[in-house]
PDB file of N, CA and C in Angstrom:
ATOM      1  N   MET A   1       0.814  -1.191   0.000  1.00  0.00           N
ATOM      2  CA  MET A   1       0.000   0.000   0.000  1.00  0.00           C
ATOM      3  C   MET A   1       0.863   1.262   0.000  1.00  0.00           C
ATOM      4  N   LEU A   2       1.951   1.234   0.791  1.00  0.00           N
ATOM      5  CA  LEU A   2       2.825   2.401   0.830  1.00  0.00           C
ATOM      6  C   LEU A   2       3.484   2.651  -0.517  1.00  0.00           C
ATOM      7  N   ASN A   3       3.797   1.582  -1.234  1.00  0.00           N
ATOM      8  CA  ASN A   3       4.391   1.754  -2.560  1.00  0.00           C
ATOM      9  C   ASN A   3       3.414   2.437  -3.505  1.00  0.00           C
ATOM     10  N   ARG A   4       2.140   2.113  -3.408  1.00  0.00           N
ATOM     11  CA  ARG A   4       1.142   2.757  -4.257  1.00  0.00           C
ATOM     12  C   ARG A   4       1.014   4.236  -3.937  1.00  0.00           C
ATOM     13  N   LEU A   5       1.223   4.599  -2.678  1.00  0.00           N
ATOM     14  CA  LEU A   5       1.176   6.004  -2.275  1.00  0.00           C
ATOM     15  C   LEU A   5       2.512   6.702  -2.477  1.00  0.00           C
ATOM     16  N   GLU A   6       3.508   5.958  -2.951  1.00  0.00           N
ATOM     17  CA  GLU A   6       4.870   6.457  -3.163  1.00  0.00           C
ATOM     18  C   GLU A   6       5.468   7.025  -1.876  1.00  0.00           C
ATOM     19  N   VAL A   7       5.284   6.269  -0.799  1.00  0.00           N
ATOM     20  CA  VAL A   7       5.841   6.623   0.501  1.00  0.00           C
ATOM     21  C   VAL A   7       6.932   5.617   0.815  1.00  0.00           C
ATOM     22  N   ASP A   8       8.166   6.107   0.958  1.00  0.00           N
ATOM     23  CA  ASP A   8       9.248   5.183   1.286  1.00  0.00           C
ATOM     24  C   ASP A   8       9.305   4.966   2.799  1.00  0.00           C
ATOM     25  N   GLN A   9      10.221   4.119   3.222  1.00  0.00           N
ATOM     26  CA  GLN A   9      10.302   3.718   4.623  1.00  0.00           C
ATOM     27  C   GLN A   9      10.629   4.898   5.543  1.00  0.00           C
ATOM     28  N   ALA A  10      11.521   5.784   5.113  1.00  0.00           N
ATOM     29  CA  ALA A  10      11.898   6.924   5.953  1.00  0.00           C
ATOM     30  C   ALA A  10      10.707   7.853   6.180  1.00  0.00           C
ATOM     31  N   VAL A  11       9.954   8.120   5.133  1.00  0.00           N
ATOM     32  CA  VAL A  11       8.782   8.983   5.265  1.00  0.00           C
ATOM     33  C   VAL A  11       7.734   8.321   6.160  1.00  0.00           C
ATOM     34  N   PHE A  12       7.551   7.019   5.993  1.00  0.00           N
ATOM     35  CA  PHE A  12       6.588   6.289   6.824  1.00  0.00           C
ATOM     36  C   PHE A  12       6.938   6.409   8.301  1.00  0.00           C
ATOM     37  N   PHE A  13       8.218   6.218   8.642  1.00  0.00           N
ATOM     38  CA  PHE A  13       8.608   6.298  10.045  1.00  0.00           C
ATOM     39  C   PHE A  13       8.528   7.728  10.573  1.00  0.00           C
ATOM     40  N   ALA A  14       8.772   8.722   9.727  1.00  0.00           N
ATOM     41  CA  ALA A  14       8.605  10.113  10.151  1.00  0.00           C
ATOM     42  C   ALA A  14       7.141  10.406  10.464  1.00  0.00           C
ATOM     43  N   ILE A  15       6.242   9.920   9.613  1.00  0.00           N
ATOM     44  CA  ILE A  15       4.808  10.098   9.855  1.00  0.00           C
ATOM     45  C   ILE A  15       4.387   9.342  11.113  1.00  0.00           C
ATOM     46  N   LEU A  16       4.915   8.144  11.298  1.00  0.00           N
ATOM     47  CA  LEU A  16       4.601   7.348  12.480  1.00  0.00           C
ATOM     48  C   LEU A  16       5.058   8.050  13.761  1.00  0.00           C
ATOM     49  N   ALA A  17       6.236   8.670  13.727  1.00  0.00           N
ATOM     50  CA  ALA A  17       6.739   9.393  14.899  1.00  0.00           C
ATOM     51  C   ALA A  17       5.839  10.579  15.229  1.00  0.00           C
ATOM     52  N   ARG A  18       5.410  11.313  14.219  1.00  0.00           N
ATOM     53  CA  ARG A  18       4.508  12.453  14.454  1.00  0.00           C
ATOM     54  C   ARG A  18       3.158  11.986  14.985  1.00  0.00           C
ATOM     55  N   ALA A  19       2.665  10.877  14.471  1.00  0.00           N
ATOM     56  CA  ALA A  19       1.393  10.341  14.957  1.00  0.00           C
ATOM     57  C   ALA A  19       1.517   9.943  16.426  1.00  0.00           C
ATOM     58  N   TRP A  20       2.644   9.339  16.788  1.00  0.00           N
ATOM     59  CA  TRP A  20       2.868   8.957  18.184  1.00  0.00           C
ATOM     60  C   TRP A  20       2.897  10.193  19.075  1.00  0.00           C
ATOM     61  N   GLN A  21       3.577  11.253  18.631  1.00  0.00           N
ATOM     62  CA  GLN A  21       3.613  12.487  19.410  1.00  0.00           C
ATOM     63  C   GLN A  21       2.209  13.066  19.573  1.00  0.00           C
ATOM     64  N   PHE A  22       1.429  13.006  18.513  1.00  0.00           N
ATOM     65  CA  PHE A  22       0.063  13.527  18.538  1.00  0.00           C
ATOM     66  C   PHE A  22      -0.794  12.776  19.553  1.00  0.00           C
ATOM     67  N   LEU A  23      -0.606  11.471  19.644  1.00  0.00           N
ATOM     68  CA  LEU A  23      -1.394  10.664  20.573  1.00  0.00           C
ATOM     69  C   LEU A  23      -0.834  10.687  21.997  1.00  0.00           C
ATOM     70  N   ALA A  24       0.480  10.670  22.121  1.00  0.00           N
ATOM     71  CA  ALA A  24       1.100  10.582  23.444  1.00  0.00           C
ATOM     72  C   ALA A  24       1.004  11.887  24.224  1.00  0.00           C
ATOM     73  N   GLY A  25       0.967  13.024  23.550  1.00  0.00           N
ATOM     74  CA  GLY A  25       0.901  14.312  24.236  1.00  0.00           C
ATOM     75  C   GLY A  25      -0.310  14.447  25.141  1.00  0.00           C
ATOM     76  N   PRO A  26      -1.521  14.286  24.616  1.00  0.00           N
ATOM     77  CA  PRO A  26      -2.703  14.393  25.487  1.00  0.00           C
ATOM     78  C   PRO A  26      -2.750  13.319  26.577  1.00  0.00           C
ATOM     79  N   VAL A  27      -2.299  12.118  26.267  1.00  0.00           N
ATOM     80  CA  VAL A  27      -2.285  11.055  27.283  1.00  0.00           C
ATOM     81  C   VAL A  27      -1.331  11.434  28.411  1.00  0.00           C
ATOM     82  N   THR A  28      -0.167  11.964  28.060  1.00  0.00           N
ATOM     83  CA  THR A  28       0.800  12.395  29.072  1.00  0.00           C
ATOM     84  C   THR A  28       0.217  13.499  29.943  1.00  0.00           C
ATOM     85  N   LEU A  29      -0.424  14.482  29.324  1.00  0.00           N
ATOM     86  CA  LEU A  29      -1.038  15.564  30.100  1.00  0.00           C
ATOM     87  C   LEU A  29      -2.108  15.034  31.050  1.00  0.00           C
ATOM     88  N   LEU A  30      -2.903  14.101  30.578  1.00  0.00           N
ATOM     89  CA  LEU A  30      -3.943  13.514  31.421  1.00  0.00           C
ATOM     90  C   LEU A  30      -3.332  12.758  32.604  1.00  0.00           C
ATOM     91  N   LEU A  31      -2.295  11.984  32.342  1.00  0.00           N
ATOM     92  CA  LEU A  31      -1.642  11.235  33.421  1.00  0.00           C
ATOM     93  C   LEU A  31      -0.989  12.169  34.434  1.00  0.00           C
ATOM     94  N   ILE A  32      -0.372  13.241  33.951  1.00  0.00           N
ATOM     95  CA  ILE A  32       0.251  14.201  34.868  1.00  0.00           C
ATOM     96  C   ILE A  32      -0.813  14.873  35.727  1.00  0.00           C
ATOM     97  N   ALA A  33      -1.912  15.263  35.102  1.00  0.00           N
ATOM     98  CA  ALA A  33      -2.976  15.953  35.839  1.00  0.00           C
ATOM     99  C   ALA A  33      -3.649  15.052  36.869  1.00  0.00           C
ATOM    100  N   THR A  34      -3.738  13.767  36.586  1.00  0.00           N
ATOM    101  CA  THR A  34      -4.453  12.871  37.505  1.00  0.00           C
ATOM    102  C   THR A  34      -3.557  12.184  38.527  1.00  0.00           C
ATOM    103  N   HIS A  35      -2.276  12.012  38.237  1.00  0.00           N
ATOM    104  CA  HIS A  35      -1.416  11.232  39.132  1.00  0.00           C
ATOM    105  C   HIS A  35      -0.333  12.046  39.844  1.00  0.00           C
ATOM    106  N   PHE A  36      -0.065  13.263  39.405  1.00  0.00           N
ATOM    107  CA  PHE A  36       0.941  14.093  40.068  1.00  0.00           C
ATOM    108  C   PHE A  36       0.249  15.040  41.036  1.00  0.00           C
ATOM    109  N   THR A  37       0.886  15.269  42.175  1.00  0.00           N
ATOM    110  CA  THR A  37       0.390  16.295  43.092  1.00  0.00           C
ATOM    111  C   THR A  37       0.720  17.662  42.496  1.00  0.00           C
ATOM    112  N   GLY A  38       0.182  18.692  43.104  1.00  0.00           N
ATOM    113  CA  GLY A  38       0.460  20.047  42.627  1.00  0.00           C
ATOM    114  C   GLY A  38       1.945  20.379  42.668  1.00  0.00           C
ATOM    115  N   VAL A  39       2.623  19.935  43.714  1.00  0.00           N
ATOM    116  CA  VAL A  39       4.061  20.183  43.842  1.00  0.00           C
ATOM    117  C   VAL A  39       4.831  19.435  42.755  1.00  0.00           C
ATOM    118  N   GLU A  40       4.479  18.173  42.538  1.00  0.00           N
ATOM    119  CA  GLU A  40       5.151  17.387  41.497  1.00  0.00           C
ATOM    120  C   GLU A  40       4.915  17.988  40.115  1.00  0.00           C
ATOM    121  N   GLN A  41       3.695  18.476  39.873  1.00  0.00           N
ATOM    122  CA  GLN A  41       3.418  19.130  38.595  1.00  0.00           C
ATOM    123  C   GLN A  41       4.269  20.378  38.432  1.00  0.00           C
ATOM    124  N   GLY A  42       4.445  21.123  39.517  1.00  0.00           N
ATOM    125  CA  GLY A  42       5.287  22.319  39.464  1.00  0.00           C
ATOM    126  C   GLY A  42       6.717  21.985  39.087  1.00  0.00           C
ATOM    127  N   TYR A  43       7.277  20.954  39.712  1.00  0.00           N
ATOM    128  CA  TYR A  43       8.633  20.532  39.368  1.00  0.00           C
ATOM    129  C   TYR A  43       8.710  20.036  37.928  1.00  0.00           C
ATOM    130  N   TYR A  44       7.723  19.248  37.523  1.00  0.00           N
ATOM    131  CA  TYR A  44       7.713  18.690  36.164  1.00  0.00           C
ATOM    132  C   TYR A  44       7.734  19.807  35.126  1.00  0.00           C
ATOM    133  N   TYR A  45       6.839  20.764  35.260  1.00  0.00           N
ATOM    134  CA  TYR A  45       6.760  21.832  34.265  1.00  0.00           C
ATOM    135  C   TYR A  45       7.945  22.786  34.355  1.00  0.00           C
ATOM    136  N   THR A  46       8.504  22.948  35.543  1.00  0.00           N
ATOM    137  CA  THR A  46       9.703  23.782  35.674  1.00  0.00           C
ATOM    138  C   THR A  46      10.887  23.141  34.968  1.00  0.00           C
ATOM    139  N   PHE A  47      11.067  21.834  35.152  1.00  0.00           N
ATOM    140  CA  PHE A  47      12.157  21.146  34.460  1.00  0.00           C
ATOM    141  C   PHE A  47      11.978  21.226  32.954  1.00  0.00           C
ATOM    142  N   TRP A  48      10.755  21.041  32.469  1.00  0.00           N
ATOM    143  CA  TRP A  48      10.526  21.128  31.019  1.00  0.00           C
ATOM    144  C   TRP A  48      10.757  22.539  30.500  1.00  0.00           C
ATOM    145  N   SER A  49      10.462  23.546  31.307  1.00  0.00           N
ATOM    146  CA  SER A  49      10.752  24.921  30.893  1.00  0.00           C
ATOM    147  C   SER A  49      12.249  25.137  30.771  1.00  0.00           C
ATOM    148  N   MET A  50      13.003  24.571  31.698  1.00  0.00           N
ATOM    149  CA  MET A  50      14.459  24.706  31.626  1.00  0.00           C
ATOM    150  C   MET A  50      15.011  23.961  30.418  1.00  0.00           C
ATOM    151  N   ILE A  51      14.464  22.800  30.125  1.00  0.00           N
ATOM    152  CA  ILE A  51      14.901  22.065  28.941  1.00  0.00           C
ATOM    153  C   ILE A  51      14.539  22.839  27.678  1.00  0.00           C
ATOM    154  N   GLY A  52      13.438  23.577  27.720  1.00  0.00           N
ATOM    155  CA  GLY A  52      13.044  24.411  26.586  1.00  0.00           C
ATOM    156  C   GLY A  52      14.065  25.494  26.270  1.00  0.00           C
ATOM    157  N   LEU A  53      14.881  25.860  27.252  1.00  0.00           N
ATOM    158  CA  LEU A  53      15.942  26.842  27.005  1.00  0.00           C
ATOM    159  C   LEU A  53      16.977  26.330  26.005  1.00  0.00           C
ATOM    160  N   GLN A  54      16.987  25.040  25.783  1.00  0.00           N
ATOM    161  CA  GLN A  54      17.919  24.443  24.826  1.00  0.00           C
ATOM    162  C   GLN A  54      17.764  25.062  23.442  1.00  0.00           C
ATOM    163  N   THR A  55      16.559  25.478  23.103  1.00  0.00           N
ATOM    164  CA  THR A  55      16.296  26.092  21.801  1.00  0.00           C
ATOM    165  C   THR A  55      17.160  27.327  21.593  1.00  0.00           C
ATOM    166  N   PHE A  56      17.379  28.097  22.644  1.00  0.00           N
ATOM    167  CA  PHE A  56      18.191  29.302  22.514  1.00  0.00           C
ATOM    168  C   PHE A  56      19.659  28.980  22.262  1.00  0.00           C
ATOM    169  N   PHE A  57      20.099  27.813  22.669  1.00  0.00           N
ATOM    170  CA  PHE A  57      21.487  27.435  22.449  1.00  0.00           C
ATOM    171  C   PHE A  57      21.684  26.781  21.089  1.00  0.00           C
ATOM    172  N   GLU A  58      20.661  26.108  20.577  1.00  0.00           N
ATOM    173  CA  GLU A  58      20.776  25.470  19.266  1.00  0.00           C
ATOM    174  C   GLU A  58      20.610  26.477  18.141  1.00  0.00           C
ATOM    175  N   LEU A  59      19.712  27.442  18.316  1.00  0.00           N
ATOM    176  CA  LEU A  59      19.463  28.490  17.323  1.00  0.00           C
ATOM    177  C   LEU A  59      19.203  27.930  15.928  1.00  0.00           C
ATOM    178  N   SER A  60      18.505  26.817  15.856  1.00  0.00           N
ATOM    179  CA  SER A  60      18.154  26.156  14.579  1.00  0.00           C
ATOM    180  C   SER A  60      19.374  25.837  13.725  1.00  0.00           C
ATOM    181  N   PHE A  61      20.502  25.631  14.380  1.00  0.00           N
ATOM    182  CA  PHE A  61      21.729  25.293  13.652  1.00  0.00           C
ATOM    183  C   PHE A  61      21.578  23.979  12.900  1.00  0.00           C
ATOM    184  N   HIS A  62      20.735  23.085  13.399  1.00  0.00           N
ATOM    185  CA  HIS A  62      20.534  21.801  12.727  1.00  0.00           C
ATOM    186  C   HIS A  62      19.966  21.991  11.321  1.00  0.00           C
ATOM    187  N   ASN A  63      19.183  23.048  11.104  1.00  0.00           N
ATOM    188  CA  ASN A  63      18.672  23.318   9.755  1.00  0.00           C
ATOM    189  C   ASN A  63      19.800  23.685   8.797  1.00  0.00           C
ATOM    190  N   VAL A  64      20.743  24.469   9.273  1.00  0.00           N
ATOM    191  CA  VAL A  64      21.894  24.845   8.447  1.00  0.00           C
ATOM    192  C   VAL A  64      22.722  23.613   8.118  1.00  0.00           C
ATOM    193  N   VAL A  65      22.980  22.794   9.124  1.00  0.00           N
ATOM    194  CA  VAL A  65      23.770  21.576   8.914  1.00  0.00           C
ATOM    195  C   VAL A  65      23.080  20.662   7.911  1.00  0.00           C
ATOM    196  N   LEU A  66      21.791  20.487   8.057  1.00  0.00           N
ATOM    197  CA  LEU A  66      21.036  19.626   7.149  1.00  0.00           C
ATOM    198  C   LEU A  66      21.103  20.130   5.708  1.00  0.00           C
ATOM    199  N   ASN A  67      20.929  21.422   5.513  1.00  0.00           N
ATOM    200  CA  ASN A  67      20.961  21.973   4.157  1.00  0.00           C
ATOM    201  C   ASN A  67      22.345  21.898   3.528  1.00  0.00           C
ATOM    202  N   VAL A  68      23.373  22.235   4.289  1.00  0.00           N
ATOM    203  CA  VAL A  68      24.733  22.180   3.743  1.00  0.00           C
ATOM    204  C   VAL A  68      25.136  20.738   3.464  1.00  0.00           C
ATOM    205  N   ALA A  69      24.818  19.831   4.383  1.00  0.00           N
ATOM    206  CA  ALA A  69      25.172  18.423   4.183  1.00  0.00           C
ATOM    207  C   ALA A  69      24.450  17.842   2.972  1.00  0.00           C
ATOM    208  N   SER A  70      23.183  18.170   2.797  1.00  0.00           N
ATOM    209  CA  SER A  70      22.459  17.637   1.636  1.00  0.00           C
ATOM    210  C   SER A  70      22.996  18.226   0.341  1.00  0.00           C
ATOM    211  N   HIS A  71      23.435  19.470   0.372  1.00  0.00           N
ATOM    212  CA  HIS A  71      24.040  20.086  -0.814  1.00  0.00           C
ATOM    213  C   HIS A  71      25.345  19.373  -1.183  1.00  0.00           C
ATOM    214  N   GLU A  72      26.161  19.065  -0.192  1.00  0.00           N
ATOM    215  CA  GLU A  72      27.418  18.370  -0.459  1.00  0.00           C
ATOM    216  C   GLU A  72      27.173  16.911  -0.841  1.00  0.00           C
ATOM    217  N   TRP A  73      26.154  16.297  -0.265  1.00  0.00           N
ATOM    218  CA  TRP A  73      25.886  14.884  -0.525  1.00  0.00           C
ATOM    219  C   TRP A  73      25.461  14.653  -1.970  1.00  0.00           C
ATOM    220  N   GLU A  74      25.014  15.701  -2.637  1.00  0.00           N
ATOM    221  CA  GLU A  74      24.605  15.574  -4.038  1.00  0.00           C
ATOM    222  C   GLU A  74      25.741  15.032  -4.905  1.00  0.00           C
ATOM    223  N   LYS A  75      26.970  15.326  -4.542  1.00  0.00           N
ATOM    224  CA  LYS A  75      28.133  14.898  -5.320  1.00  0.00           C
ATOM    225  C   LYS A  75      28.779  13.638  -4.748  1.00  0.00           C
ATOM    226  N   LEU A  76      28.130  13.023  -3.748  1.00  0.00           N
ATOM    227  CA  LEU A  76      28.693  11.852  -3.081  1.00  0.00           C
ATOM    228  C   LEU A  76      27.722  10.678  -3.164  1.00  0.00           C
ATOM    229  N   ALA A  77      28.224   9.499  -2.831  1.00  0.00           N
ATOM    230  CA  ALA A  77      27.382   8.299  -2.824  1.00  0.00           C
ATOM    231  C   ALA A  77      27.866   7.359  -1.724  1.00  0.00           C
ATOM    232  N   LEU A  78      26.972   6.502  -1.288  1.00  0.00           N
ATOM    233  CA  LEU A  78      27.284   5.500  -0.277  1.00  0.00           C
ATOM    234  C   LEU A  78      27.401   4.153  -0.969  1.00  0.00           C
ATOM    235  N   THR A  79      28.549   3.493  -0.812  1.00  0.00           N
ATOM    236  CA  THR A  79      28.766   2.202  -1.463  1.00  0.00           C
ATOM    237  C   THR A  79      28.113   1.090  -0.657  1.00  0.00           C
ATOM    238  N   THR A  80      28.140  -0.104  -1.208  1.00  0.00           N
ATOM    239  CA  THR A  80      27.532  -1.250  -0.522  1.00  0.00           C
ATOM    240  C   THR A  80      28.266  -1.609   0.767  1.00  0.00           C
ATOM    241  N   ASP A  81      29.563  -1.309   0.839  1.00  0.00           N
ATOM    242  CA  ASP A  81      30.296  -1.572   2.087  1.00  0.00           C
ATOM    243  C   ASP A  81      30.263  -0.356   3.028  1.00  0.00           C
ATOM    244  N   ARG A  82      29.322   0.563   2.781  1.00  0.00           N
ATOM    245  CA  ARG A  82      29.024   1.714   3.633  1.00  0.00           C
ATOM    246  C   ARG A  82      30.167   2.717   3.729  1.00  0.00           C
ATOM    247  N   THR A  83      30.916   2.889   2.648  1.00  0.00           N
ATOM    248  CA  THR A  83      31.911   3.950   2.574  1.00  0.00           C
ATOM    249  C   THR A  83      31.378   5.035   1.642  1.00  0.00           C
ATOM    250  N   ILE A  84      31.884   6.233   1.819  1.00  0.00           N
ATOM    251  CA  ILE A  84      31.434   7.365   1.015  1.00  0.00           C
ATOM    252  C   ILE A  84      32.419   7.582  -0.119  1.00  0.00           C
ATOM    253  N   THR A  85      31.895   7.672  -1.333  1.00  0.00           N
ATOM    254  CA  THR A  85      32.733   7.923  -2.504  1.00  0.00           C
ATOM    255  C   THR A  85      32.174   9.123  -3.252  1.00  0.00           C
ATOM    256  N   GLY A  86      32.999   9.664  -4.133  1.00  0.00           N
ATOM    257  CA  GLY A  86      32.545  10.782  -4.954  1.00  0.00           C
ATOM    258  C   GLY A  86      33.585  11.878  -5.008  1.00  0.00           C
ATOM    259  N   ASP A  87      33.122  13.088  -5.279  1.00  0.00           N
ATOM    260  CA  ASP A  87      33.976  14.258  -5.428  1.00  0.00           C
ATOM    261  C   ASP A  87      34.786  14.498  -4.151  1.00  0.00           C
ATOM    262  N   ALA A  88      36.099  14.591  -4.307  1.00  0.00           N
ATOM    263  CA  ALA A  88      36.987  14.735  -3.145  1.00  0.00           C
ATOM    264  C   ALA A  88      36.749  16.051  -2.409  1.00  0.00           C
ATOM    265  N   SER A  89      36.503  17.120  -3.149  1.00  0.00           N
ATOM    266  CA  SER A  89      36.292  18.408  -2.478  1.00  0.00           C
ATOM    267  C   SER A  89      34.963  18.416  -1.707  1.00  0.00           C
ATOM    268  N   ALA A  90      33.932  17.779  -2.247  1.00  0.00           N
ATOM    269  CA  ALA A  90      32.655  17.690  -1.527  1.00  0.00           C
ATOM    270  C   ALA A  90      32.818  16.851  -0.260  1.00  0.00           C
ATOM    271  N   LEU A  91      33.583  15.764  -0.362  1.00  0.00           N
ATOM    272  CA  LEU A  91      33.835  14.926   0.808  1.00  0.00           C
ATOM    273  C   LEU A  91      34.618  15.697   1.865  1.00  0.00           C
ATOM    274  N   SER A  92      35.591  16.491   1.429  1.00  0.00           N
ATOM    275  CA  SER A  92      36.375  17.298   2.355  1.00  0.00           C
ATOM    276  C   SER A  92      35.498  18.342   3.052  1.00  0.00           C
ATOM    277  N   ARG A  93      34.622  18.989   2.290  1.00  0.00           N
ATOM    278  CA  ARG A  93      33.723  19.984   2.890  1.00  0.00           C
ATOM    279  C   ARG A  93      32.742  19.330   3.860  1.00  0.00           C
ATOM    280  N   LEU A  94      32.274  18.132   3.531  1.00  0.00           N
ATOM    281  CA  LEU A  94      31.364  17.419   4.433  1.00  0.00           C
ATOM    282  C   LEU A  94      32.081  17.033   5.728  1.00  0.00           C
ATOM    283  N   ALA A  95      33.328  16.597   5.617  1.00  0.00           N
ATOM    284  CA  ALA A  95      34.113  16.264   6.812  1.00  0.00           C
ATOM    285  C   ALA A  95      34.363  17.513   7.659  1.00  0.00           C
ATOM    286  N   SER A  96      34.650  18.636   7.001  1.00  0.00           N
ATOM    287  CA  SER A  96      34.842  19.893   7.730  1.00  0.00           C
ATOM    288  C   SER A  96      33.560  20.316   8.432  1.00  0.00           C
ATOM    289  N   LEU A  97      32.434  20.129   7.749  1.00  0.00           N
ATOM    290  CA  LEU A  97      31.143  20.452   8.360  1.00  0.00           C
ATOM    291  C   LEU A  97      30.927  19.617   9.618  1.00  0.00           C
ATOM    292  N   LEU A  98      31.286  18.347   9.562  1.00  0.00           N
ATOM    293  CA  LEU A  98      31.155  17.483  10.736  1.00  0.00           C
ATOM    294  C   LEU A  98      32.010  17.995  11.892  1.00  0.00           C
ATOM    295  N   ARG A  99      33.260  18.349  11.601  1.00  0.00           N
ATOM    296  CA  ARG A  99      34.146  18.844  12.663  1.00  0.00           C
ATOM    297  C   ARG A  99      33.603  20.128  13.288  1.00  0.00           C
ATOM    298  N   VAL A 100      33.167  21.063  12.446  1.00  0.00           N
ATOM    299  CA  VAL A 100      32.642  22.332  12.955  1.00  0.00           C
ATOM    300  C   VAL A 100      31.363  22.097  13.755  1.00  0.00           C
ATOM    301  N   THR A 101      30.524  21.206  13.271  1.00  0.00           N
ATOM    302  CA  THR A 101      29.270  20.905  13.964  1.00  0.00           C
ATOM    303  C   THR A 101      29.528  20.311  15.343  1.00  0.00           C
ATOM    304  N   VAL A 102      30.477  19.401  15.435  1.00  0.00           N
ATOM    305  CA  VAL A 102      30.808  18.796  16.732  1.00  0.00           C
ATOM    306  C   VAL A 102      31.310  19.862  17.702  1.00  0.00           C
ATOM    307  N   VAL A 103      32.149  20.772  17.225  1.00  0.00           N
ATOM    308  CA  VAL A 103      32.669  21.830  18.094  1.00  0.00           C
ATOM    309  C   VAL A 103      31.543  22.763  18.540  1.00  0.00           C
ATOM    310  N   ILE A 104      30.718  23.203  17.599  1.00  0.00           N
ATOM    311  CA  ILE A 104      29.648  24.142  17.940  1.00  0.00           C
ATOM    312  C   ILE A 104      28.653  23.511  18.909  1.00  0.00           C
ATOM    313  N   TYR A 105      28.244  22.279  18.636  1.00  0.00           N
ATOM    314  CA  TYR A 105      27.308  21.627  19.550  1.00  0.00           C
ATOM    315  C   TYR A 105      27.966  21.300  20.886  1.00  0.00           C
ATOM    316  N   GLY A 106      29.249  21.001  20.892  1.00  0.00           N
ATOM    317  CA  GLY A 106      29.947  20.758  22.151  1.00  0.00           C
ATOM    318  C   GLY A 106      29.991  22.002  23.018  1.00  0.00           C
ATOM    319  N   VAL A 107      30.339  23.132  22.412  1.00  0.00           N
ATOM    320  CA  VAL A 107      30.363  24.398  23.153  1.00  0.00           C
ATOM    321  C   VAL A 107      28.954  24.760  23.615  1.00  0.00           C
ATOM    322  N   GLY A 108      27.975  24.581  22.729  1.00  0.00           N
ATOM    323  CA  GLY A 108      26.589  24.871  23.105  1.00  0.00           C
ATOM    324  C   GLY A 108      26.112  24.008  24.256  1.00  0.00           C
ATOM    325  N   ALA A 109      26.503  22.738  24.250  1.00  0.00           N
ATOM    326  CA  ALA A 109      26.102  21.832  25.330  1.00  0.00           C
ATOM    327  C   ALA A 109      26.723  22.251  26.658  1.00  0.00           C
ATOM    328  N   ILE A 110      27.981  22.655  26.620  1.00  0.00           N
ATOM    329  CA  ILE A 110      28.650  23.099  27.849  1.00  0.00           C
ATOM    330  C   ILE A 110      28.007  24.378  28.375  1.00  0.00           C
ATOM    331  N   LEU A 111      27.732  25.336  27.470  1.00  0.00           N
ATOM    332  CA  LEU A 111      27.073  26.573  27.888  1.00  0.00           C
ATOM    333  C   LEU A 111      25.673  26.298  28.436  1.00  0.00           C
ATOM    334  N   PHE A 112      24.941  25.426  27.749  1.00  0.00           N
ATOM    335  CA  PHE A 112      23.593  25.071  28.205  1.00  0.00           C
ATOM    336  C   PHE A 112      23.648  24.444  29.592  1.00  0.00           C
ATOM    337  N   LEU A 113      24.562  23.523  29.786  1.00  0.00           N
ATOM    338  CA  LEU A 113      24.698  22.873  31.087  1.00  0.00           C
ATOM    339  C   LEU A 113      25.019  23.894  32.176  1.00  0.00           C
ATOM    340  N   ALA A 114      25.922  24.829  31.876  1.00  0.00           N
ATOM    341  CA  ALA A 114      26.299  25.832  32.866  1.00  0.00           C
ATOM    342  C   ALA A 114      25.123  26.752  33.205  1.00  0.00           C
ATOM    343  N   VAL A 115      24.441  27.255  32.185  1.00  0.00           N
ATOM    344  CA  VAL A 115      23.340  28.196  32.420  1.00  0.00           C
ATOM    345  C   VAL A 115      22.170  27.517  33.121  1.00  0.00           C
ATOM    346  N   VAL A 116      21.779  26.341  32.645  1.00  0.00           N
ATOM    347  CA  VAL A 116      20.634  25.657  33.251  1.00  0.00           C
ATOM    348  C   VAL A 116      20.975  25.162  34.657  1.00  0.00           C
ATOM    349  N   SER A 117      22.204  24.732  34.880  1.00  0.00           N
ATOM    350  CA  SER A 117      22.596  24.317  36.232  1.00  0.00           C
ATOM    351  C   SER A 117      22.525  25.491  37.197  1.00  0.00           C
ATOM    352  N   PHE A 118      23.044  26.638  36.763  1.00  0.00           N
ATOM    353  CA  PHE A 118      22.997  27.824  37.615  1.00  0.00           C
ATOM    354  C   PHE A 118      21.557  28.265  37.847  1.00  0.00           C
ATOM    355  N   ALA A 119      20.753  28.293  36.782  1.00  0.00           N
ATOM    356  CA  ALA A 119      19.351  28.699  36.921  1.00  0.00           C
ATOM    357  C   ALA A 119      18.597  27.732  37.830  1.00  0.00           C
ATOM    358  N   GLY A 120      18.850  26.451  37.694  1.00  0.00           N
ATOM    359  CA  GLY A 120      18.205  25.469  38.564  1.00  0.00           C
ATOM    360  C   GLY A 120      18.636  25.621  40.007  1.00  0.00           C
ATOM    361  N   TRP A 121      19.917  25.889  40.201  1.00  0.00           N
ATOM    362  CA  TRP A 121      20.424  26.078  41.557  1.00  0.00           C
ATOM    363  C   TRP A 121      19.782  27.306  42.196  1.00  0.00           C
ATOM    364  N   VAL A 122      19.683  28.398  41.434  1.00  0.00           N
ATOM    365  CA  VAL A 122      19.058  29.611  41.961  1.00  0.00           C
ATOM    366  C   VAL A 122      17.572  29.378  42.213  1.00  0.00           C
ATOM    367  N   PHE A 123      16.884  28.783  41.247  1.00  0.00           N
ATOM    368  CA  PHE A 123      15.437  28.611  41.360  1.00  0.00           C
ATOM    369  C   PHE A 123      15.058  27.619  42.453  1.00  0.00           C
ATOM    370  N   PHE A 124      15.701  26.471  42.454  1.00  0.00           N
ATOM    371  CA  PHE A 124      15.342  25.434  43.421  1.00  0.00           C
ATOM    372  C   PHE A 124      16.065  25.598  44.752  1.00  0.00           C
ATOM    373  N   GLY A 125      17.036  26.479  44.803  1.00  0.00           N
ATOM    374  CA  GLY A 125      17.802  26.650  46.027  1.00  0.00           C
ATOM    375  C   GLY A 125      17.190  27.613  47.019  1.00  0.00           C
ATOM    376  N   TRP A 126      16.158  28.358  46.617  1.00  0.00           N
ATOM    377  CA  TRP A 126      15.539  29.318  47.529  1.00  0.00           C
ATOM    378  C   TRP A 126      14.825  28.587  48.652  1.00  0.00           C
ATOM    379  N   GLU A 127      15.078  29.012  49.856  1.00  0.00           N
ATOM    380  CA  GLU A 127      14.414  28.447  51.040  1.00  0.00           C
ATOM    381  C   GLU A 127      13.178  29.284  51.344  1.00  0.00           C
ATOM    382  N   GLU A 128      12.119  28.612  51.771  1.00  0.00           N
ATOM    383  CA  GLU A 128      10.900  29.354  52.137  1.00  0.00           C
ATOM    384  C   GLU A 128      10.901  29.685  53.602  1.00  0.00           C
TER     385      GLU A 128
END
């Protein structure tokens, strides 16, 4: 059936993941509302708010990486033994992109950890 709809396996799993998120979100909210105390709900939503700060550290950099990598991949191919072949300069640029991405995400992760740890310490450290 998926072949008739021209949906490949990757697209199918992407749709399946979104469907799961669509169904799991309301169920999670219902379970939190019925099984968590008010204090537990406060901690839960506070932690998720702090995790939401991750967006400010990523700054949608993954979109840039995806676009540049797909542009370079146009000149490359994956062999049956899972090695990359093709234009040497495109391969070099893709390798450089990987190195830069690892550094940027590493620095972002360290900054995120420092800021969120400090914010959590300040927020949760207040005595009543």
